[in-house]
Amino acid sequence: MIGGSSILNFSLIMETYVIVQWPDVQSLMDFDWFQDECHLISDENGVEKYGSSAYFVPKSRIDSLKS
């Protein structure tokens, strides 16, 4: 604490996501990070366009798998 107030430092990192559809996303679901970092596309327009089992997956995770 400095002068009675605390200073909070943080970084905001913008993550880029890619859409991964079924069945391709199935191979990612076993990774430890999947449930915490990936997001099911569940809005009506997204489900219509990509299907009911498509996810937003961090691009950095996809890139790391290609290496």
PDB file of N, CA and C in Angstrom:
ATOM      1  N   MET A   1       0.840  -1.188   0.000  1.00  0.00           N
ATOM      2  CA  MET A   1       0.000   0.000   0.000  1.00  0.00           C
ATOM      3  C   MET A   1       0.877   1.240   0.000  1.00  0.00           C
ATOM      4  N   ILE A   2       0.509   2.163  -0.809  1.00  0.00           N
ATOM      5  CA  ILE A   2       1.223   3.426  -0.887  1.00  0.00           C
ATOM      6  C   ILE A   2       0.253   4.536  -0.515  1.00  0.00           C
ATOM      7  N   GLY A   3       0.582   5.281   0.536  1.00  0.00           N
ATOM      8  CA  GLY A   3      -0.268   6.393   0.941  1.00  0.00           C
ATOM      9  C   GLY A   3      -1.682   5.989   1.275  1.00  0.00           C
ATOM     10  N   GLY A   4      -1.866   4.787   1.802  1.00  0.00           N
ATOM     11  CA  GLY A   4      -3.194   4.350   2.218  1.00  0.00           C
ATOM     12  C   GLY A   4      -4.044   3.755   1.106  1.00  0.00           C
ATOM     13  N   SER A   5      -3.543   3.709  -0.089  1.00  0.00           N
ATOM     14  CA  SER A   5      -4.315   3.081  -1.168  1.00  0.00           C
ATOM     15  C   SER A   5      -3.459   2.017  -1.836  1.00  0.00           C
ATOM     16  N   SER A   6      -4.102   1.021  -2.313  1.00  0.00           N
ATOM     17  CA  SER A   6      -3.350  -0.042  -2.983  1.00  0.00           C
ATOM     18  C   SER A   6      -3.299   0.250  -4.476  1.00  0.00           C
ATOM     19  N   ILE A   7      -2.224  -0.175  -5.080  1.00  0.00           N
ATOM     20  CA  ILE A   7      -2.049  -0.008  -6.516  1.00  0.00           C
ATOM     21  C   ILE A   7      -2.187  -1.381  -7.145  1.00  0.00           C
ATOM     22  N   LEU A   8      -3.037  -1.450  -8.133  1.00  0.00           N
ATOM     23  CA  LEU A   8      -3.281  -2.717  -8.806  1.00  0.00           C
ATOM     24  C   LEU A   8      -2.702  -2.641 -10.212  1.00  0.00           C
ATOM     25  N   ASN A   9      -1.801  -3.534 -10.509  1.00  0.00           N
ATOM     26  CA  ASN A   9      -1.217  -3.613 -11.844  1.00  0.00           C
ATOM     27  C   ASN A   9      -1.792  -4.813 -12.563  1.00  0.00           C
ATOM     28  N   PHE A  10      -2.182  -4.608 -13.797  1.00  0.00           N
ATOM     29  CA  PHE A  10      -2.667  -5.730 -14.582  1.00  0.00           C
ATOM     30  C   PHE A  10      -2.436  -5.453 -16.065  1.00  0.00           C
ATOM     31  N   SER A  11      -2.445  -6.521 -16.828  1.00  0.00           N
ATOM     32  CA  SER A  11      -2.314  -6.406 -18.271  1.00  0.00           C
ATOM     33  C   SER A  11      -3.578  -6.956 -18.904  1.00  0.00           C
ATOM     34  N   LEU A  12      -4.055  -6.280 -19.910  1.00  0.00           N
ATOM     35  CA  LEU A  12      -5.192  -6.772 -20.665  1.00  0.00           C
ATOM     36  C   LEU A  12      -4.655  -7.292 -21.982  1.00  0.00           C
ATOM     37  N   ILE A  13      -4.772  -8.571 -22.162  1.00  0.00           N
ATOM     38  CA  ILE A  13      -4.282  -9.199 -23.376  1.00  0.00           C
ATOM     39  C   ILE A  13      -5.499  -9.619 -24.195  1.00  0.00           C
ATOM     40  N   MET A  14      -5.570  -9.117 -25.393  1.00  0.00           N
ATOM     41  CA  MET A  14      -6.667  -9.492 -26.272  1.00  0.00           C
ATOM     42  C   MET A  14      -6.310 -10.808 -26.953  1.00  0.00           C
ATOM     43  N   GLU A  15      -7.161 -11.782 -26.799  1.00  0.00           N
ATOM     44  CA  GLU A  15      -6.939 -13.094 -27.391  1.00  0.00           C
ATOM     45  C   GLU A  15      -7.770 -13.192 -28.668  1.00  0.00           C
ATOM     46  N   THR A  16      -7.204 -13.761 -29.692  1.00  0.00           N
ATOM     47  CA  THR A  16      -7.920 -14.025 -30.929  1.00  0.00           C
ATOM     48  C   THR A  16      -8.420 -15.467 -30.877  1.00  0.00           C
ATOM     49  N   TYR A  17      -9.656 -15.642 -31.276  1.00  0.00           N
ATOM     50  CA  TYR A  17     -10.264 -16.971 -31.268  1.00  0.00           C
ATOM     51  C   TYR A  17     -10.582 -17.415 -32.692  1.00  0.00           C
ATOM     52  N   VAL A  18     -10.562 -18.708 -32.890  1.00  0.00           N
ATOM     53  CA  VAL A  18     -10.995 -19.291 -34.156  1.00  0.00           C
ATOM     54  C   VAL A  18     -12.171 -20.216 -33.855  1.00  0.00           C
ATOM     55  N   ILE A  19     -13.014 -20.400 -34.833  1.00  0.00           N
ATOM     56  CA  ILE A  19     -14.153 -21.290 -34.675  1.00  0.00           C
ATOM     57  C   ILE A  19     -13.745 -22.675 -35.147  1.00  0.00           C
ATOM     58  N   VAL A  20     -13.957 -23.648 -34.277  1.00  0.00           N
ATOM     59  CA  VAL A  20     -13.649 -25.038 -34.621  1.00  0.00           C
ATOM     60  C   VAL A  20     -14.951 -25.824 -34.510  1.00  0.00           C
ATOM     61  N   GLN A  21     -15.334 -26.438 -35.624  1.00  0.00           N
ATOM     62  CA  GLN A  21     -16.594 -27.166 -35.683  1.00  0.00           C
ATOM     63  C   GLN A  21     -16.401 -28.649 -35.390  1.00  0.00           C
ATOM     64  N   TRP A  22     -17.512 -29.319 -35.095  1.00  0.00           N
ATOM     65  CA  TRP A  22     -17.542 -30.752 -34.933  1.00  0.00           C
ATOM     66  C   TRP A  22     -17.311 -31.371 -36.310  1.00  0.00           C
ATOM     67  N   PRO A  23     -16.562 -32.393 -36.477  1.00  0.00           N
ATOM     68  CA  PRO A  23     -15.943 -33.227 -35.449  1.00  0.00           C
ATOM     69  C   PRO A  23     -14.517 -32.805 -35.079  1.00  0.00           C
ATOM     70  N   ASP A  24     -13.978 -31.772 -35.747  1.00  0.00           N
ATOM     71  CA  ASP A  24     -12.592 -31.368 -35.491  1.00  0.00           C
ATOM     72  C   ASP A  24     -12.356 -30.967 -34.037  1.00  0.00           C
ATOM     73  N   VAL A  25     -13.354 -30.348 -33.412  1.00  0.00           N
ATOM     74  CA  VAL A  25     -13.178 -29.884 -32.035  1.00  0.00           C
ATOM     75  C   VAL A  25     -13.036 -31.049 -31.055  1.00  0.00           C
ATOM     76  N   GLN A  26     -13.538 -32.199 -31.432  1.00  0.00           N
ATOM     77  CA  GLN A  26     -13.479 -33.363 -30.537  1.00  0.00           C
ATOM     78  C   GLN A  26     -12.045 -33.687 -30.121  1.00  0.00           C
ATOM     79  N   SER A  27     -11.095 -33.530 -31.021  1.00  0.00           N
ATOM     80  CA  SER A  27      -9.698 -33.847 -30.707  1.00  0.00           C
ATOM     81  C   SER A  27      -9.088 -32.856 -29.715  1.00  0.00           C
ATOM     82  N   LEU A  28      -9.711 -31.694 -29.537  1.00  0.00           N
ATOM     83  CA  LEU A  28      -9.201 -30.691 -28.590  1.00  0.00           C
ATOM     84  C   LEU A  28      -9.775 -30.852 -27.188  1.00  0.00           C
ATOM     85  N   MET A  29     -10.873 -31.548 -27.077  1.00  0.00           N
ATOM     86  CA  MET A  29     -11.609 -31.611 -25.809  1.00  0.00           C
ATOM     87  C   MET A  29     -10.861 -32.324 -24.684  1.00  0.00           C
ATOM     88  N   ASP A  30      -9.867 -33.110 -24.997  1.00  0.00           N
ATOM     89  CA  ASP A  30      -9.108 -33.827 -23.962  1.00  0.00           C
ATOM     90  C   ASP A  30      -7.977 -32.998 -23.359  1.00  0.00           C
ATOM     91  N   PHE A  31      -7.673 -31.855 -23.949  1.00  0.00           N
ATOM     92  CA  PHE A  31      -6.616 -31.011 -23.400  1.00  0.00           C
ATOM     93  C   PHE A  31      -7.084 -30.346 -22.106  1.00  0.00           C
ATOM     94  N   ASP A  32      -6.139 -30.181 -21.158  1.00  0.00           N
ATOM     95  CA  ASP A  32      -6.454 -29.597 -19.852  1.00  0.00           C
ATOM     96  C   ASP A  32      -7.077 -28.211 -19.955  1.00  0.00           C
ATOM     97  N   TRP A  33      -6.691 -27.448 -20.931  1.00  0.00           N
ATOM     98  CA  TRP A  33      -7.110 -26.060 -21.062  1.00  0.00           C
ATOM     99  C   TRP A  33      -8.468 -25.896 -21.735  1.00  0.00           C
ATOM    100  N   PHE A  34      -9.001 -26.946 -22.330  1.00  0.00           N
ATOM    101  CA  PHE A  34     -10.192 -26.803 -23.176  1.00  0.00           C
ATOM    102  C   PHE A  34     -11.385 -26.199 -22.428  1.00  0.00           C
ATOM    103  N   GLN A  35     -11.755 -26.755 -21.307  1.00  0.00           N
ATOM    104  CA  GLN A  35     -12.953 -26.279 -20.604  1.00  0.00           C
ATOM    105  C   GLN A  35     -12.816 -24.853 -20.095  1.00  0.00           C
ATOM    106  N   ASP A  36     -11.617 -24.456 -19.715  1.00  0.00           N
ATOM    107  CA  ASP A  36     -11.412 -23.106 -19.185  1.00  0.00           C
ATOM    108  C   ASP A  36     -11.263 -22.047 -20.269  1.00  0.00           C
ATOM    109  N   GLU A  37     -10.759 -22.430 -21.423  1.00  0.00           N
ATOM    110  CA  GLU A  37     -10.390 -21.436 -22.430  1.00  0.00           C
ATOM    111  C   GLU A  37     -11.261 -21.418 -23.683  1.00  0.00           C
ATOM    112  N   CYS A  38     -12.043 -22.453 -23.886  1.00  0.00           N
ATOM    113  CA  CYS A  38     -12.870 -22.532 -25.094  1.00  0.00           C
ATOM    114  C   CYS A  38     -14.329 -22.267 -24.749  1.00  0.00           C
ATOM    115  N   HIS A  39     -15.054 -21.733 -25.707  1.00  0.00           N
ATOM    116  CA  HIS A  39     -16.427 -21.304 -25.446  1.00  0.00           C
ATOM    117  C   HIS A  39     -17.361 -21.853 -26.518  1.00  0.00           C
ATOM    118  N   LEU A  40     -18.393 -22.558 -26.073  1.00  0.00           N
ATOM    119  CA  LEU A  40     -19.387 -23.123 -26.974  1.00  0.00           C
ATOM    120  C   LEU A  40     -20.159 -22.001 -27.651  1.00  0.00           C
ATOM    121  N   ILE A  41     -20.355 -22.116 -28.939  1.00  0.00           N
ATOM    122  CA  ILE A  41     -21.184 -21.151 -29.668  1.00  0.00           C
ATOM    123  C   ILE A  41     -22.627 -21.580 -29.454  1.00  0.00           C
ATOM    124  N   SER A  42     -23.379 -20.768 -28.727  1.00  0.00           N
ATOM    125  CA  SER A  42     -24.729 -21.195 -28.347  1.00  0.00           C
ATOM    126  C   SER A  42     -25.835 -20.220 -28.759  1.00  0.00           C
ATOM    127  N   ASP A  43     -25.456 -19.103 -29.398  1.00  0.00           N
ATOM    128  CA  ASP A  43     -26.520 -18.201 -29.837  1.00  0.00           C
ATOM    129  C   ASP A  43     -27.161 -18.768 -31.106  1.00  0.00           C
ATOM    130  N   GLU A  44     -28.392 -18.392 -31.344  1.00  0.00           N
ATOM    131  CA  GLU A  44     -29.170 -18.959 -32.439  1.00  0.00           C
ATOM    132  C   GLU A  44     -28.482 -18.815 -33.798  1.00  0.00           C
ATOM    133  N   ASN A  45     -27.973 -17.637 -34.096  1.00  0.00           N
ATOM    134  CA  ASN A  45     -27.307 -17.414 -35.383  1.00  0.00           C
ATOM    135  C   ASN A  45     -26.035 -18.244 -35.517  1.00  0.00           C
ATOM    136  N   GLY A  46     -25.266 -18.323 -34.435  1.00  0.00           N
ATOM    137  CA  GLY A  46     -24.043 -19.112 -34.460  1.00  0.00           C
ATOM    138  C   GLY A  46     -24.308 -20.588 -34.646  1.00  0.00           C
ATOM    139  N   VAL A  47     -25.332 -21.095 -33.965  1.00  0.00           N
ATOM    140  CA  VAL A  47     -25.687 -22.517 -34.094  1.00  0.00           C
ATOM    141  C   VAL A  47     -26.169 -22.813 -35.513  1.00  0.00           C
ATOM    142  N   GLU A  48     -26.968 -21.900 -36.075  1.00  0.00           N
ATOM    143  CA  GLU A  48     -27.431 -22.079 -37.453  1.00  0.00           C
ATOM    144  C   GLU A  48     -26.264 -22.136 -38.432  1.00  0.00           C
ATOM    145  N   LYS A  49     -25.298 -21.255 -38.240  1.00  0.00           N
ATOM    146  CA  LYS A  49     -24.185 -21.135 -39.178  1.00  0.00           C
ATOM    147  C   LYS A  49     -23.123 -22.220 -38.998  1.00  0.00           C
ATOM    148  N   TYR A  50     -22.795 -22.557 -37.715  1.00  0.00           N
ATOM    149  CA  TYR A  50     -21.658 -23.435 -37.433  1.00  0.00           C
ATOM    150  C   TYR A  50     -22.036 -24.785 -36.836  1.00  0.00           C
ATOM    151  N   GLY A  51     -23.286 -24.967 -36.427  1.00  0.00           N
ATOM    152  CA  GLY A  51     -23.722 -26.212 -35.807  1.00  0.00           C
ATOM    153  C   GLY A  51     -23.735 -26.104 -34.295  1.00  0.00           C
ATOM    154  N   SER A  52     -24.339 -27.079 -33.656  1.00  0.00           N
ATOM    155  CA  SER A  52     -24.559 -27.029 -32.206  1.00  0.00           C
ATOM    156  C   SER A  52     -23.349 -27.435 -31.376  1.00  0.00           C
ATOM    157  N   SER A  53     -22.284 -27.879 -32.032  1.00  0.00           N
ATOM    158  CA  SER A  53     -21.090 -28.316 -31.300  1.00  0.00           C
ATOM    159  C   SER A  53     -19.833 -27.607 -31.779  1.00  0.00           C
ATOM    160  N   ALA A  54     -19.972 -26.325 -32.095  1.00  0.00           N
ATOM    161  CA  ALA A  54     -18.813 -25.535 -32.520  1.00  0.00           C
ATOM    162  C   ALA A  54     -18.342 -24.677 -31.347  1.00  0.00           C
ATOM    163  N   TYR A  55     -17.047 -24.460 -31.280  1.00  0.00           N
ATOM    164  CA  TYR A  55     -16.452 -23.716 -30.170  1.00  0.00           C
ATOM    165  C   TYR A  55     -15.549 -22.606 -30.679  1.00  0.00           C
ATOM    166  N   PHE A  56     -15.458 -21.533 -29.873  1.00  0.00           N
ATOM    167  CA  PHE A  56     -14.408 -20.546 -30.035  1.00  0.00           C
ATOM    168  C   PHE A  56     -13.194 -21.093 -29.298  1.00  0.00           C
ATOM    169  N   VAL A  57     -12.084 -21.225 -29.993  1.00  0.00           N
ATOM    170  CA  VAL A  57     -10.858 -21.776 -29.430  1.00  0.00           C
ATOM    171  C   VAL A  57      -9.754 -20.728 -29.592  1.00  0.00           C
ATOM    172  N   PRO A  58      -8.971 -20.475 -28.536  1.00  0.00           N
ATOM    173  CA  PRO A  58      -7.890 -19.500 -28.672  1.00  0.00           C
ATOM    174  C   PRO A  58      -6.946 -19.874 -29.823  1.00  0.00           C
ATOM    175  N   LYS A  59      -6.693 -18.914 -30.680  1.00  0.00           N
ATOM    176  CA  LYS A  59      -5.800 -19.134 -31.820  1.00  0.00           C
ATOM    177  C   LYS A  59      -4.413 -19.559 -31.352  1.00  0.00           C
ATOM    178  N   SER A  60      -3.983 -19.030 -30.221  1.00  0.00           N
ATOM    179  CA  SER A  60      -2.659 -19.393 -29.700  1.00  0.00           C
ATOM    180  C   SER A  60      -2.571 -20.891 -29.395  1.00  0.00           C
ATOM    181  N   ARG A  61      -3.672 -21.488 -28.967  1.00  0.00           N
ATOM    182  CA  ARG A  61      -3.682 -22.936 -28.698  1.00  0.00           C
ATOM    183  C   ARG A  61      -3.600 -23.730 -30.003  1.00  0.00           C
ATOM    184  N   ILE A  62      -4.333 -23.288 -31.007  1.00  0.00           N
ATOM    185  CA  ILE A  62      -4.280 -23.960 -32.309  1.00  0.00           C
ATOM    186  C   ILE A  62      -2.871 -23.847 -32.886  1.00  0.00           C
ATOM    187  N   ASP A  63      -2.297 -22.646 -32.804  1.00  0.00           N
ATOM    188  CA  ASP A  63      -0.933 -22.437 -33.323  1.00  0.00           C
ATOM    189  C   ASP A  63       0.086 -23.307 -32.609  1.00  0.00           C
ATOM    190  N   SER A  64      -0.072 -23.466 -31.290  1.00  0.00           N
ATOM    191  CA  SER A  64       0.891 -24.280 -30.534  1.00  0.00           C
ATOM    192  C   SER A  64       0.804 -25.755 -30.911  1.00  0.00           C
ATOM    193  N   LEU A  65      -0.351 -26.198 -31.364  1.00  0.00           N
ATOM    194  CA  LEU A  65      -0.511 -27.596 -31.783  1.00  0.00           C
ATOM    195  C   LEU A  65       0.132 -27.845 -33.142  1.00  0.00           C
ATOM    196  N   LYS A  66       0.242 -26.809 -33.942  1.00  0.00           N
ATOM    197  CA  LYS A  66       0.849 -26.922 -35.273  1.00  0.00           C
ATOM    198  C   LYS A  66       2.366 -26.967 -35.202  1.00  0.00           C
ATOM    199  N   SER A  67       2.923 -26.489 -34.090  1.00  0.00           N
ATOM    200  CA  SER A  67       4.392 -26.419 -33.954  1.00  0.00           C
ATOM    201  C   SER A  67       4.991 -27.780 -33.662  1.00  0.00           C
TER     202      SER A  67
END
